[in-house]
């Protein structure tokens, strides 16, 4: 359609006019009809729904990125804190280990010093011991000689026993003598004179109260008080020890024949030698015809040393 207005030519498209009329008509109908309004609203919502997934996807991605960043930040902080804490612990443990090692090395050095000192002390003591042992061996092997002109007796004995002293004991009838060692009271010797008479009322006769021994028909007898008044006791020597110009009879309590617990219990006389080792020696003197030795401690003087001493006897 063409019109003329004040010399201006206006051309209008009929189809556009029709479209506008339709839109205007729809709007009017929508306003008038509620159902159409709801339908239009639902269409609007459906349009918005179609658009919202894009917005939600973008929001979720933002949250995920935030969570990841937060996790990285928090995790990094925790890792950093743990690293620092671990480093502190490691440093502390290392310091303690160093202190322990230094303490251990110090103690070890002290122990080494003590051991070294102990070793030196041990060597010193060992050296001194060897020297003392040599001296002791020399002293043990060293001999002293005893000699008495009245008894007419001499013999050698270990020097460690000290000095020999003779004591003369006066009795109402006769005398007796007793020889002792200053450093060994477990070794003694003694005898009685020919005129000696015992005043003892006991049935036990002291082994040292002797005049020596004699032999008769290949038998040996322990001789007590002289002049035919004594009761002599038959003996069986454990061993006969030879010495220069004589012999010594080695005895113990089993050497006395017919002397046992039953005879002792009946009150018969017996020679009291105890559990010791003894020896009988004959002398050549007029006053003291014999003597006896008693060794009561084999730790001080062994039986072999006792025999060696007997072998050194000389009777003059």
C-alpha atoms as a PDB file:
ATOM      1  CA  UNK A   1       0.000   0.000   0.000  1.00  0.00           C
ATOM      2  CA  UNK A   2       1.364   3.452  -0.972  1.00  0.00           C
ATOM      3  CA  UNK A   3       0.256   6.818   0.380  1.00  0.00           C
ATOM      4  CA  UNK A   4       1.414  10.234  -0.068  1.00  0.00           C
ATOM      5  CA  UNK A   5       1.833  12.526   2.961  1.00  0.00           C
ATOM      6  CA  UNK A   6       3.226  15.978   2.533  1.00  0.00           C
ATOM      7  CA  UNK A   7       5.228  14.893  -0.406  1.00  0.00           C
ATOM      8  CA  UNK A   8       6.698  11.850   1.508  1.00  0.00           C
ATOM      9  CA  UNK A   9       6.126   8.479   0.135  1.00  0.00           C
ATOM     10  CA  UNK A  10       5.577   5.795   2.803  1.00  0.00           C
ATOM     11  CA  UNK A  11       5.615   2.151   1.952  1.00  0.00           C
ATOM     12  CA  UNK A  12       4.276  -0.369   4.540  1.00  0.00           C
ATOM     13  CA  UNK A  13       4.831  -4.098   4.457  1.00  0.00           C
ATOM     14  CA  UNK A  14       1.595  -5.885   4.925  1.00  0.00           C
ATOM     15  CA  UNK A  15       3.162  -9.002   6.384  1.00  0.00           C
ATOM     16  CA  UNK A  16       4.899  -7.023   9.112  1.00  0.00           C
ATOM     17  CA  UNK A  17       1.676  -5.430  10.020  1.00  0.00           C
ATOM     18  CA  UNK A  18       0.015  -8.766  10.247  1.00  0.00           C
ATOM     19  CA  UNK A  19       2.808 -10.124  12.558  1.00  0.00           C
ATOM     20  CA  UNK A  20       2.470  -7.154  14.824  1.00  0.00           C
ATOM     21  CA  UNK A  21      -1.232  -7.614  14.986  1.00  0.00           C
ATOM     22  CA  UNK A  22      -0.743 -11.270  15.983  1.00  0.00           C
ATOM     23  CA  UNK A  23       1.696 -10.397  18.777  1.00  0.00           C
ATOM     24  CA  UNK A  24      -0.661  -7.733  20.036  1.00  0.00           C
ATOM     25  CA  UNK A  25      -3.511 -10.146  19.894  1.00  0.00           C
ATOM     26  CA  UNK A  26      -1.532 -12.817  21.826  1.00  0.00           C
ATOM     27  CA  UNK A  27      -0.594 -10.334  24.541  1.00  0.00           C
ATOM     28  CA  UNK A  28      -4.183  -9.287  24.911  1.00  0.00           C
ATOM     29  CA  UNK A  29      -5.371 -12.843  25.055  1.00  0.00           C
ATOM     30  CA  UNK A  30      -2.722 -13.664  27.642  1.00  0.00           C
ATOM     31  CA  UNK A  31      -3.812 -10.843  29.832  1.00  0.00           C
ATOM     32  CA  UNK A  32      -7.420 -11.813  29.500  1.00  0.00           C
ATOM     33  CA  UNK A  33      -6.951 -15.580  29.823  1.00  0.00           C
ATOM     34  CA  UNK A  34      -5.099 -16.813  33.060  1.00  0.00           C
ATOM     35  CA  UNK A  35      -4.379 -20.191  31.534  1.00  0.00           C
ATOM     36  CA  UNK A  36      -2.602 -18.553  28.724  1.00  0.00           C
ATOM     37  CA  UNK A  37      -0.653 -16.564  31.322  1.00  0.00           C
ATOM     38  CA  UNK A  38       0.380 -19.759  33.109  1.00  0.00           C
ATOM     39  CA  UNK A  39       1.327 -21.301  29.810  1.00  0.00           C
ATOM     40  CA  UNK A  40       3.384 -18.296  28.953  1.00  0.00           C
ATOM     41  CA  UNK A  41       4.990 -18.456  32.421  1.00  0.00           C
ATOM     42  CA  UNK A  42       5.759 -22.145  32.021  1.00  0.00           C
ATOM     43  CA  UNK A  43       7.290 -21.453  28.671  1.00  0.00           C
ATOM     44  CA  UNK A  44       9.383 -18.765  30.260  1.00  0.00           C
ATOM     45  CA  UNK A  45      10.482 -21.170  32.972  1.00  0.00           C
ATOM     46  CA  UNK A  46      11.258 -23.842  30.450  1.00  0.00           C
ATOM     47  CA  UNK A  47      13.387 -21.352  28.639  1.00  0.00           C
ATOM     48  CA  UNK A  48      15.133 -20.437  31.889  1.00  0.00           C
ATOM     49  CA  UNK A  49      15.626 -24.107  32.684  1.00  0.00           C
ATOM     50  CA  UNK A  50      17.306 -24.604  29.446  1.00  0.00           C
ATOM     51  CA  UNK A  51      19.684 -21.809  30.253  1.00  0.00           C
ATOM     52  CA  UNK A  52      20.399 -22.773  34.032  1.00  0.00           C
ATOM     53  CA  UNK A  53      22.491 -25.962  33.410  1.00  0.00           C
ATOM     54  CA  UNK A  54      25.131 -23.838  31.821  1.00  0.00           C
ATOM     55  CA  UNK A  55      25.148 -21.518  34.834  1.00  0.00           C
ATOM     56  CA  UNK A  56      25.205 -24.450  37.346  1.00  0.00           C
ATOM     57  CA  UNK A  57      28.047 -26.143  35.442  1.00  0.00           C
ATOM     58  CA  UNK A  58      30.053 -22.975  35.699  1.00  0.00           C
ATOM     59  CA  UNK A  59      29.283 -22.729  39.490  1.00  0.00           C
ATOM     60  CA  UNK A  60      30.292 -26.350  40.165  1.00  0.00           C
ATOM     61  CA  UNK A  61      33.555 -25.873  38.313  1.00  0.00           C
ATOM     62  CA  UNK A  62      34.251 -22.770  40.399  1.00  0.00           C
ATOM     63  CA  UNK A  63      33.521 -24.680  43.637  1.00  0.00           C
ATOM     64  CA  UNK A  64      35.709 -27.593  42.497  1.00  0.00           C
ATOM     65  CA  UNK A  65      38.550 -25.209  41.695  1.00  0.00           C
ATOM     66  CA  UNK A  66      38.081 -23.530  45.099  1.00  0.00           C
ATOM     67  CA  UNK A  67      38.111 -26.897  46.897  1.00  0.00           C
ATOM     68  CA  UNK A  68      41.234 -27.984  45.028  1.00  0.00           C
ATOM     69  CA  UNK A  69      42.965 -24.696  45.765  1.00  0.00           C
ATOM     70  CA  UNK A  70      41.908 -24.884  49.410  1.00  0.00           C
ATOM     71  CA  UNK A  71      43.117 -28.477  49.630  1.00  0.00           C
ATOM     72  CA  UNK A  72      46.415 -27.511  48.042  1.00  0.00           C
ATOM     73  CA  UNK A  73      46.853 -24.574  50.396  1.00  0.00           C
ATOM     74  CA  UNK A  74      45.813 -26.528  53.525  1.00  0.00           C
ATOM     75  CA  UNK A  75      47.719 -29.654  52.437  1.00  0.00           C
ATOM     76  CA  UNK A  76      50.772 -27.602  51.642  1.00  0.00           C
ATOM     77  CA  UNK A  77      50.568 -25.958  55.064  1.00  0.00           C
ATOM     78  CA  UNK A  78      50.187 -29.313  56.789  1.00  0.00           C
ATOM     79  CA  UNK A  79      53.040 -30.777  54.742  1.00  0.00           C
ATOM     80  CA  UNK A  80      55.222 -27.765  55.534  1.00  0.00           C
ATOM     81  CA  UNK A  81      54.315 -28.022  59.253  1.00  0.00           C
ATOM     82  CA  UNK A  82      54.978 -31.756  59.275  1.00  0.00           C
ATOM     83  CA  UNK A  83      58.296 -31.233  57.504  1.00  0.00           C
ATOM     84  CA  UNK A  84      59.335 -28.638  60.067  1.00  0.00           C
ATOM     85  CA  UNK A  85      58.094 -30.804  62.971  1.00  0.00           C
ATOM     86  CA  UNK A  86      59.838 -33.864  61.530  1.00  0.00           C
ATOM     87  CA  UNK A  87      63.017 -31.873  61.049  1.00  0.00           C
ATOM     88  CA  UNK A  88      62.827 -30.708  64.666  1.00  0.00           C
ATOM     89  CA  UNK A  89      62.362 -34.292  65.862  1.00  0.00           C
ATOM     90  CA  UNK A  90      65.182 -35.515  63.647  1.00  0.00           C
ATOM     91  CA  UNK A  91      67.461 -32.752  64.911  1.00  0.00           C
ATOM     92  CA  UNK A  92      66.485 -33.523  68.509  1.00  0.00           C
ATOM     93  CA  UNK A  93      67.071 -37.252  68.047  1.00  0.00           C
ATOM     94  CA  UNK A  94      70.365 -36.540  66.273  1.00  0.00           C
ATOM     95  CA  UNK A  95      71.457 -34.298  69.148  1.00  0.00           C
ATOM     96  CA  UNK A  96      70.476 -36.952  71.687  1.00  0.00           C
ATOM     97  CA  UNK A  97      72.302 -39.580  69.643  1.00  0.00           C
ATOM     98  CA  UNK A  98      75.416 -37.387  69.547  1.00  0.00           C
ATOM     99  CA  UNK A  99      75.221 -36.811  73.295  1.00  0.00           C
ATOM    100  CA  UNK A 100      74.705 -40.522  73.907  1.00  0.00           C
ATOM    101  CA  UNK A 101      77.610 -41.387  71.629  1.00  0.00           C
ATOM    102  CA  UNK A 102      79.853 -38.823  73.329  1.00  0.00           C
ATOM    103  CA  UNK A 103      78.813 -40.131  76.747  1.00  0.00           C
ATOM    104  CA  UNK A 104      79.375 -43.705  75.613  1.00  0.00           C
ATOM    105  CA  UNK A 105      82.788 -42.833  74.173  1.00  0.00           C
ATOM    106  CA  UNK A 106      83.658 -41.036  77.397  1.00  0.00           C
ATOM    107  CA  UNK A 107      82.626 -44.029  79.490  1.00  0.00           C
ATOM    108  CA  UNK A 108      84.407 -46.348  77.091  1.00  0.00           C
ATOM    109  CA  UNK A 109      87.579 -44.293  77.392  1.00  0.00           C
ATOM    110  CA  UNK A 110      87.253 -44.335  81.191  1.00  0.00           C
ATOM    111  CA  UNK A 111      86.836 -48.096  81.116  1.00  0.00           C
ATOM    112  CA  UNK A 112      89.833 -48.406  78.799  1.00  0.00           C
ATOM    113  CA  UNK A 113      91.881 -46.254  81.169  1.00  0.00           C
ATOM    114  CA  UNK A 114      90.774 -48.346  84.120  1.00  0.00           C
ATOM    115  CA  UNK A 115      91.498 -51.557  82.268  1.00  0.00           C
ATOM    116  CA  UNK A 116      94.875 -50.223  81.257  1.00  0.00           C
ATOM    117  CA  UNK A 117      95.562 -49.197  84.833  1.00  0.00           C
ATOM    118  CA  UNK A 118      94.286 -52.555  86.083  1.00  0.00           C
ATOM    119  CA  UNK A 119      96.432 -54.358  83.539  1.00  0.00           C
ATOM    120  CA  UNK A 120      99.485 -52.418  84.644  1.00  0.00           C
ATOM    121  CA  UNK A 121      98.601 -53.045  88.282  1.00  0.00           C
ATOM    122  CA  UNK A 122      98.104 -56.717  87.472  1.00  0.00           C
ATOM    123  CA  UNK A 123     101.483 -56.882  85.770  1.00  0.00           C
ATOM    124  CA  UNK A 124     103.064 -55.140  88.747  1.00  0.00           C
ATOM    125  CA  UNK A 125     101.385 -57.486  91.232  1.00  0.00           C
ATOM    126  CA  UNK A 126     102.280 -60.473  89.072  1.00  0.00           C
ATOM    127  CA  UNK A 127     105.889 -59.357  88.950  1.00  0.00           C
ATOM    128  CA  UNK A 128     105.968 -58.806  92.709  1.00  0.00           C
ATOM    129  CA  UNK A 129     104.261 -62.152  93.239  1.00  0.00           C
ATOM    130  CA  UNK A 130     106.883 -63.920  91.137  1.00  0.00           C
ATOM    131  CA  UNK A 131     109.641 -62.244  93.106  1.00  0.00           C
ATOM    132  CA  UNK A 132     108.017 -63.152  96.412  1.00  0.00           C
ATOM    133  CA  UNK A 133     107.408 -66.685  95.171  1.00  0.00           C
ATOM    134  CA  UNK A 134     111.062 -67.020  94.253  1.00  0.00           C
ATOM    135  CA  UNK A 135     112.026 -65.752  97.677  1.00  0.00           C
ATOM    136  CA  UNK A 136     109.472 -68.056  99.317  1.00  0.00           C
ATOM    137  CA  UNK A 137     110.771 -71.015  97.322  1.00  0.00           C
ATOM    138  CA  UNK A 138     114.313 -70.137  98.282  1.00  0.00           C
ATOM    139  CA  UNK A 139     113.251 -69.717 101.883  1.00  0.00           C
ATOM    140  CA  UNK A 140     111.250 -72.929 101.776  1.00  0.00           C
ATOM    141  CA  UNK A 141     114.163 -74.827 100.386  1.00  0.00           C
ATOM    142  CA  UNK A 142     116.553 -73.125 102.785  1.00  0.00           C
ATOM    143  CA  UNK A 143     117.625 -75.284 105.690  1.00  0.00           C
ATOM    144  CA  UNK A 144     118.850 -74.586 109.163  1.00  0.00           C
ATOM    145  CA  UNK A 145     120.841 -77.024 111.295  1.00  0.00           C
ATOM    146  CA  UNK A 146     120.109 -77.815 114.916  1.00  0.00           C
ATOM    147  CA  UNK A 147     122.709 -79.367 117.161  1.00  0.00           C
ATOM    148  CA  UNK A 148     122.704 -80.130 120.889  1.00  0.00           C
ATOM    149  CA  UNK A 149     125.761 -81.608 122.589  1.00  0.00           C
ATOM    150  CA  UNK A 150     123.877 -82.730 125.729  1.00  0.00           C
ATOM    151  CA  UNK A 151     121.461 -84.787 123.657  1.00  0.00           C
ATOM    152  CA  UNK A 152     124.168 -85.757 121.179  1.00  0.00           C
ATOM    153  CA  UNK A 153     121.763 -84.927 118.338  1.00  0.00           C
ATOM    154  CA  UNK A 154     121.826 -82.816 115.168  1.00  0.00           C
ATOM    155  CA  UNK A 155     119.467 -82.500 112.174  1.00  0.00           C
ATOM    156  CA  UNK A 156     118.420 -80.137 109.391  1.00  0.00           C
ATOM    157  CA  UNK A 157     114.975 -78.528 109.208  1.00  0.00           C
ATOM    158  CA  UNK A 158     113.214 -75.851 107.062  1.00  0.00           C
ATOM    159  CA  UNK A 159     114.458 -72.361 107.839  1.00  0.00           C
ATOM    160  CA  UNK A 160     110.872 -71.026 107.846  1.00  0.00           C
ATOM    161  CA  UNK A 161     110.286 -72.892 111.124  1.00  0.00           C
ATOM    162  CA  UNK A 162     112.498 -70.424 112.925  1.00  0.00           C
ATOM    163  CA  UNK A 163     114.672 -71.132 115.927  1.00  0.00           C
ATOM    164  CA  UNK A 164     114.738 -74.359 117.966  1.00  0.00           C
ATOM    165  CA  UNK A 165     114.492 -74.037 121.702  1.00  0.00           C
ATOM    166  CA  UNK A 166     115.008 -76.841 124.240  1.00  0.00           C
ATOM    167  CA  UNK A 167     113.206 -76.767 127.596  1.00  0.00           C
ATOM    168  CA  UNK A 168     114.319 -79.063 130.445  1.00  0.00           C
ATOM    169  CA  UNK A 169     111.491 -80.027 132.776  1.00  0.00           C
ATOM    170  CA  UNK A 170     112.455 -81.147 136.274  1.00  0.00           C
ATOM    171  CA  UNK A 171     110.279 -83.786 137.910  1.00  0.00           C
ATOM    172  CA  UNK A 172     110.277 -85.190 141.442  1.00  0.00           C
ATOM    173  CA  UNK A 173     111.987 -88.203 139.906  1.00  0.00           C
ATOM    174  CA  UNK A 174     114.007 -87.629 136.761  1.00  0.00           C
ATOM    175  CA  UNK A 175     113.698 -85.021 134.035  1.00  0.00           C
ATOM    176  CA  UNK A 176     112.176 -84.622 130.602  1.00  0.00           C
ATOM    177  CA  UNK A 177     112.984 -82.311 127.733  1.00  0.00           C
ATOM    178  CA  UNK A 178     110.854 -80.651 125.072  1.00  0.00           C
ATOM    179  CA  UNK A 179     112.104 -79.198 121.775  1.00  0.00           C
ATOM    180  CA  UNK A 180     109.962 -76.586 119.976  1.00  0.00           C
ATOM    181  CA  UNK A 181     110.242 -74.425 116.821  1.00  0.00           C
ATOM    182  CA  UNK A 182     109.550 -70.715 117.144  1.00  0.00           C
ATOM    183  CA  UNK A 183     107.520 -70.512 113.880  1.00  0.00           C
ATOM    184  CA  UNK A 184     105.895 -73.956 113.844  1.00  0.00           C
ATOM    185  CA  UNK A 185     104.287 -75.150 117.033  1.00  0.00           C
ATOM    186  CA  UNK A 186     102.908 -78.221 115.249  1.00  0.00           C
ATOM    187  CA  UNK A 187     106.313 -79.891 115.150  1.00  0.00           C
ATOM    188  CA  UNK A 188     107.845 -80.904 118.501  1.00  0.00           C
ATOM    189  CA  UNK A 189     110.249 -83.498 119.878  1.00  0.00           C
ATOM    190  CA  UNK A 190     111.105 -84.747 123.367  1.00  0.00           C
ATOM    191  CA  UNK A 191     112.159 -87.575 125.671  1.00  0.00           C
ATOM    192  CA  UNK A 192     112.755 -88.525 129.298  1.00  0.00           C
ATOM    193  CA  UNK A 193     115.758 -89.463 131.420  1.00  0.00           C
ATOM    194  CA  UNK A 194     116.447 -93.023 132.507  1.00  0.00           C
ATOM    195  CA  UNK A 195     115.400 -92.246 136.097  1.00  0.00           C
ATOM    196  CA  UNK A 196     112.157 -90.623 135.001  1.00  0.00           C
ATOM    197  CA  UNK A 197     108.972 -91.819 136.707  1.00  0.00           C
ATOM    198  CA  UNK A 198     105.562 -90.682 135.520  1.00  0.00           C
ATOM    199  CA  UNK A 199     103.240 -89.229 138.138  1.00  0.00           C
ATOM    200  CA  UNK A 200     100.239 -89.445 135.885  1.00  0.00           C
ATOM    201  CA  UNK A 201      97.302 -91.468 137.084  1.00  0.00           C
ATOM    202  CA  UNK A 202      95.733 -91.601 133.608  1.00  0.00           C
ATOM    203  CA  UNK A 203      95.977 -94.711 131.473  1.00  0.00           C
ATOM    204  CA  UNK A 204      97.170 -92.551 128.560  1.00  0.00           C
ATOM    205  CA  UNK A 205     100.950 -92.269 128.165  1.00  0.00           C
ATOM    206  CA  UNK A 206     102.331 -89.210 126.413  1.00  0.00           C
ATOM    207  CA  UNK A 207     104.095 -90.231 123.180  1.00  0.00           C
ATOM    208  CA  UNK A 208     107.000 -87.906 124.072  1.00  0.00           C
ATOM    209  CA  UNK A 209     107.586 -89.639 127.438  1.00  0.00           C
ATOM    210  CA  UNK A 210     109.857 -92.232 125.870  1.00  0.00           C
ATOM    211  CA  UNK A 211     113.311 -93.668 126.173  1.00  0.00           C
ATOM    212  CA  UNK A 212     113.313 -94.623 122.510  1.00  0.00           C
ATOM    213  CA  UNK A 213     112.774 -98.145 121.192  1.00  0.00           C
ATOM    214  CA  UNK A 214     114.448-101.529 121.094  1.00  0.00           C
ATOM    215  CA  UNK A 215     114.120-104.596 118.936  1.00  0.00           C
ATOM    216  CA  UNK A 216     113.865-108.226 119.988  1.00  0.00           C
ATOM    217  CA  UNK A 217     113.399-111.234 117.743  1.00  0.00           C
ATOM    218  CA  UNK A 218     112.629-109.023 114.775  1.00  0.00           C
ATOM    219  CA  UNK A 219     110.027-107.121 116.760  1.00  0.00           C
ATOM    220  CA  UNK A 220     110.093-103.485 117.811  1.00  0.00           C
ATOM    221  CA  UNK A 221     108.991-102.103 121.170  1.00  0.00           C
ATOM    222  CA  UNK A 222     108.170 -98.618 122.366  1.00  0.00           C
ATOM    223  CA  UNK A 223     110.129 -98.104 125.588  1.00  0.00           C
ATOM    224  CA  UNK A 224     108.742 -96.068 128.461  1.00  0.00           C
ATOM    225  CA  UNK A 225     110.221 -95.562 131.971  1.00  0.00           C
ATOM    226  CA  UNK A 226     113.623 -97.239 132.384  1.00  0.00           C
ATOM    227  CA  UNK A 227     115.414 -99.545 134.829  1.00  0.00           C
ATOM    228  CA  UNK A 228     113.143-102.512 134.124  1.00  0.00           C
ATOM    229  CA  UNK A 229     110.088-100.797 135.604  1.00  0.00           C
ATOM    230  CA  UNK A 230     108.482 -99.845 132.313  1.00  0.00           C
ATOM    231  CA  UNK A 231     105.803-101.651 130.411  1.00  0.00           C
ATOM    232  CA  UNK A 232     106.924-101.702 126.823  1.00  0.00           C
ATOM    233  CA  UNK A 233     104.492-101.679 123.901  1.00  0.00           C
ATOM    234  CA  UNK A 234     104.982-103.706 120.753  1.00  0.00           C
ATOM    235  CA  UNK A 235     104.917-101.595 117.609  1.00  0.00           C
ATOM    236  CA  UNK A 236     104.742-102.155 113.872  1.00  0.00           C
ATOM    237  CA  UNK A 237     106.477 -99.224 112.162  1.00  0.00           C
ATOM    238  CA  UNK A 238     104.642 -97.686 109.184  1.00  0.00           C
ATOM    239  CA  UNK A 239     108.090 -97.091 107.699  1.00  0.00           C
ATOM    240  CA  UNK A 240     111.732 -97.313 108.700  1.00  0.00           C
ATOM    241  CA  UNK A 241     113.799 -94.251 107.777  1.00  0.00           C
ATOM    242  CA  UNK A 242     117.545 -94.742 107.599  1.00  0.00           C
ATOM    243  CA  UNK A 243     119.987 -91.996 108.582  1.00  0.00           C
ATOM    244  CA  UNK A 244     123.716 -91.815 109.260  1.00  0.00           C
ATOM    245  CA  UNK A 245     124.632 -94.569 111.775  1.00  0.00           C
ATOM    246  CA  UNK A 246     121.002 -95.277 112.696  1.00  0.00           C
ATOM    247  CA  UNK A 247     117.362 -95.473 111.785  1.00  0.00           C
ATOM    248  CA  UNK A 248     114.106 -93.800 112.725  1.00  0.00           C
ATOM    249  CA  UNK A 249     110.787 -95.637 113.099  1.00  0.00           C
ATOM    250  CA  UNK A 250     107.860 -93.797 111.436  1.00  0.00           C
ATOM    251  CA  UNK A 251     104.661 -94.437 113.445  1.00  0.00           C
ATOM    252  CA  UNK A 252     100.961 -93.598 113.662  1.00  0.00           C
ATOM    253  CA  UNK A 253      98.214 -94.840 115.983  1.00  0.00           C
ATOM    254  CA  UNK A 254      97.792 -98.009 113.891  1.00  0.00           C
ATOM    255  CA  UNK A 255     101.410 -98.904 114.578  1.00  0.00           C
ATOM    256  CA  UNK A 256     100.623-100.000 118.160  1.00  0.00           C
ATOM    257  CA  UNK A 257      99.718-103.692 118.273  1.00  0.00           C
ATOM    258  CA  UNK A 258      96.868-104.825 120.549  1.00  0.00           C
ATOM    259  CA  UNK A 259      96.012-101.207 121.229  1.00  0.00           C
ATOM    260  CA  UNK A 260      92.456-100.528 120.184  1.00  0.00           C
ATOM    261  CA  UNK A 261      89.229 -98.955 121.414  1.00  0.00           C
ATOM    262  CA  UNK A 262      88.276-102.022 123.422  1.00  0.00           C
ATOM    263  CA  UNK A 263      91.559-102.169 125.384  1.00  0.00           C
ATOM    264  CA  UNK A 264      91.415 -98.416 125.970  1.00  0.00           C
ATOM    265  CA  UNK A 265      87.800 -98.701 127.149  1.00  0.00           C
ATOM    266  CA  UNK A 266      88.878-101.356 129.664  1.00  0.00           C
ATOM    267  CA  UNK A 267      91.342 -98.870 131.186  1.00  0.00           C
ATOM    268  CA  UNK A 268      94.513-100.489 129.930  1.00  0.00           C
ATOM    269  CA  UNK A 269      97.598 -98.344 129.408  1.00  0.00           C
ATOM    270  CA  UNK A 270      98.091 -97.035 125.894  1.00  0.00           C
ATOM    271  CA  UNK A 271     100.364 -94.664 123.987  1.00  0.00           C
ATOM    272  CA  UNK A 272      98.586 -91.460 123.053  1.00  0.00           C
ATOM    273  CA  UNK A 273      99.807 -90.354 119.606  1.00  0.00           C
ATOM    274  CA  UNK A 274      96.419 -89.085 118.427  1.00  0.00           C
ATOM    275  CA  UNK A 275      95.894 -88.630 114.678  1.00  0.00           C
ATOM    276  CA  UNK A 276      99.475 -87.478 114.182  1.00  0.00           C
ATOM    277  CA  UNK A 277     102.607 -88.882 112.598  1.00  0.00           C
ATOM    278  CA  UNK A 278     105.499 -89.671 114.929  1.00  0.00           C
ATOM    279  CA  UNK A 279     109.021 -91.017 114.878  1.00  0.00           C
ATOM    280  CA  UNK A 280     111.196 -92.807 117.444  1.00  0.00           C
ATOM    281  CA  UNK A 281     114.962 -92.184 117.560  1.00  0.00           C
ATOM    282  CA  UNK A 282     117.631 -93.881 119.717  1.00  0.00           C
ATOM    283  CA  UNK A 283     120.402 -91.672 121.116  1.00  0.00           C
ATOM    284  CA  UNK A 284     123.819 -92.565 122.483  1.00  0.00           C
ATOM    285  CA  UNK A 285     123.754 -90.414 125.616  1.00  0.00           C
ATOM    286  CA  UNK A 286     123.753 -91.796 129.142  1.00  0.00           C
ATOM    287  CA  UNK A 287     121.027 -89.500 130.445  1.00  0.00           C
ATOM    288  CA  UNK A 288     118.630 -89.456 127.512  1.00  0.00           C
ATOM    289  CA  UNK A 289     118.723 -92.728 125.567  1.00  0.00           C
ATOM    290  CA  UNK A 290     116.046 -91.784 123.061  1.00  0.00           C
ATOM    291  CA  UNK A 291     113.476 -89.289 121.845  1.00  0.00           C
ATOM    292  CA  UNK A 292     110.293 -88.947 119.776  1.00  0.00           C
ATOM    293  CA  UNK A 293     109.135 -86.459 117.092  1.00  0.00           C
ATOM    294  CA  UNK A 294     105.470 -85.503 116.508  1.00  0.00           C
ATOM    295  CA  UNK A 295     104.237 -83.790 113.310  1.00  0.00           C
ATOM    296  CA  UNK A 296     100.609 -82.715 113.848  1.00  0.00           C
ATOM    297  CA  UNK A 297     100.115 -80.484 110.795  1.00  0.00           C
ATOM    298  CA  UNK A 298     100.949 -81.836 107.343  1.00  0.00           C
ATOM    299  CA  UNK A 299     100.093 -78.450 105.873  1.00  0.00           C
ATOM    300  CA  UNK A 300     102.988 -76.908 107.760  1.00  0.00           C
ATOM    301  CA  UNK A 301     105.252 -79.888 107.218  1.00  0.00           C
ATOM    302  CA  UNK A 302     104.271 -82.573 104.765  1.00  0.00           C
ATOM    303  CA  UNK A 303     104.996 -86.221 105.453  1.00  0.00           C
ATOM    304  CA  UNK A 304     107.684 -86.247 102.754  1.00  0.00           C
ATOM    305  CA  UNK A 305     109.406 -83.218 104.338  1.00  0.00           C
ATOM    306  CA  UNK A 306     109.108 -84.925 107.718  1.00  0.00           C
ATOM    307  CA  UNK A 307     110.895 -87.952 106.312  1.00  0.00           C
ATOM    308  CA  UNK A 308     113.598 -85.739 104.756  1.00  0.00           C
ATOM    309  CA  UNK A 309     114.234 -84.160 108.150  1.00  0.00           C
ATOM    310  CA  UNK A 310     114.550 -87.613 109.747  1.00  0.00           C
ATOM    311  CA  UNK A 311     117.078 -88.646 107.104  1.00  0.00           C
ATOM    312  CA  UNK A 312     119.311 -85.683 108.071  1.00  0.00           C
ATOM    313  CA  UNK A 313     119.656 -86.825 111.708  1.00  0.00           C
ATOM    314  CA  UNK A 314     123.092 -87.511 113.161  1.00  0.00           C
ATOM    315  CA  UNK A 315     123.550 -89.114 116.562  1.00  0.00           C
ATOM    316  CA  UNK A 316     126.872 -88.449 118.325  1.00  0.00           C
END
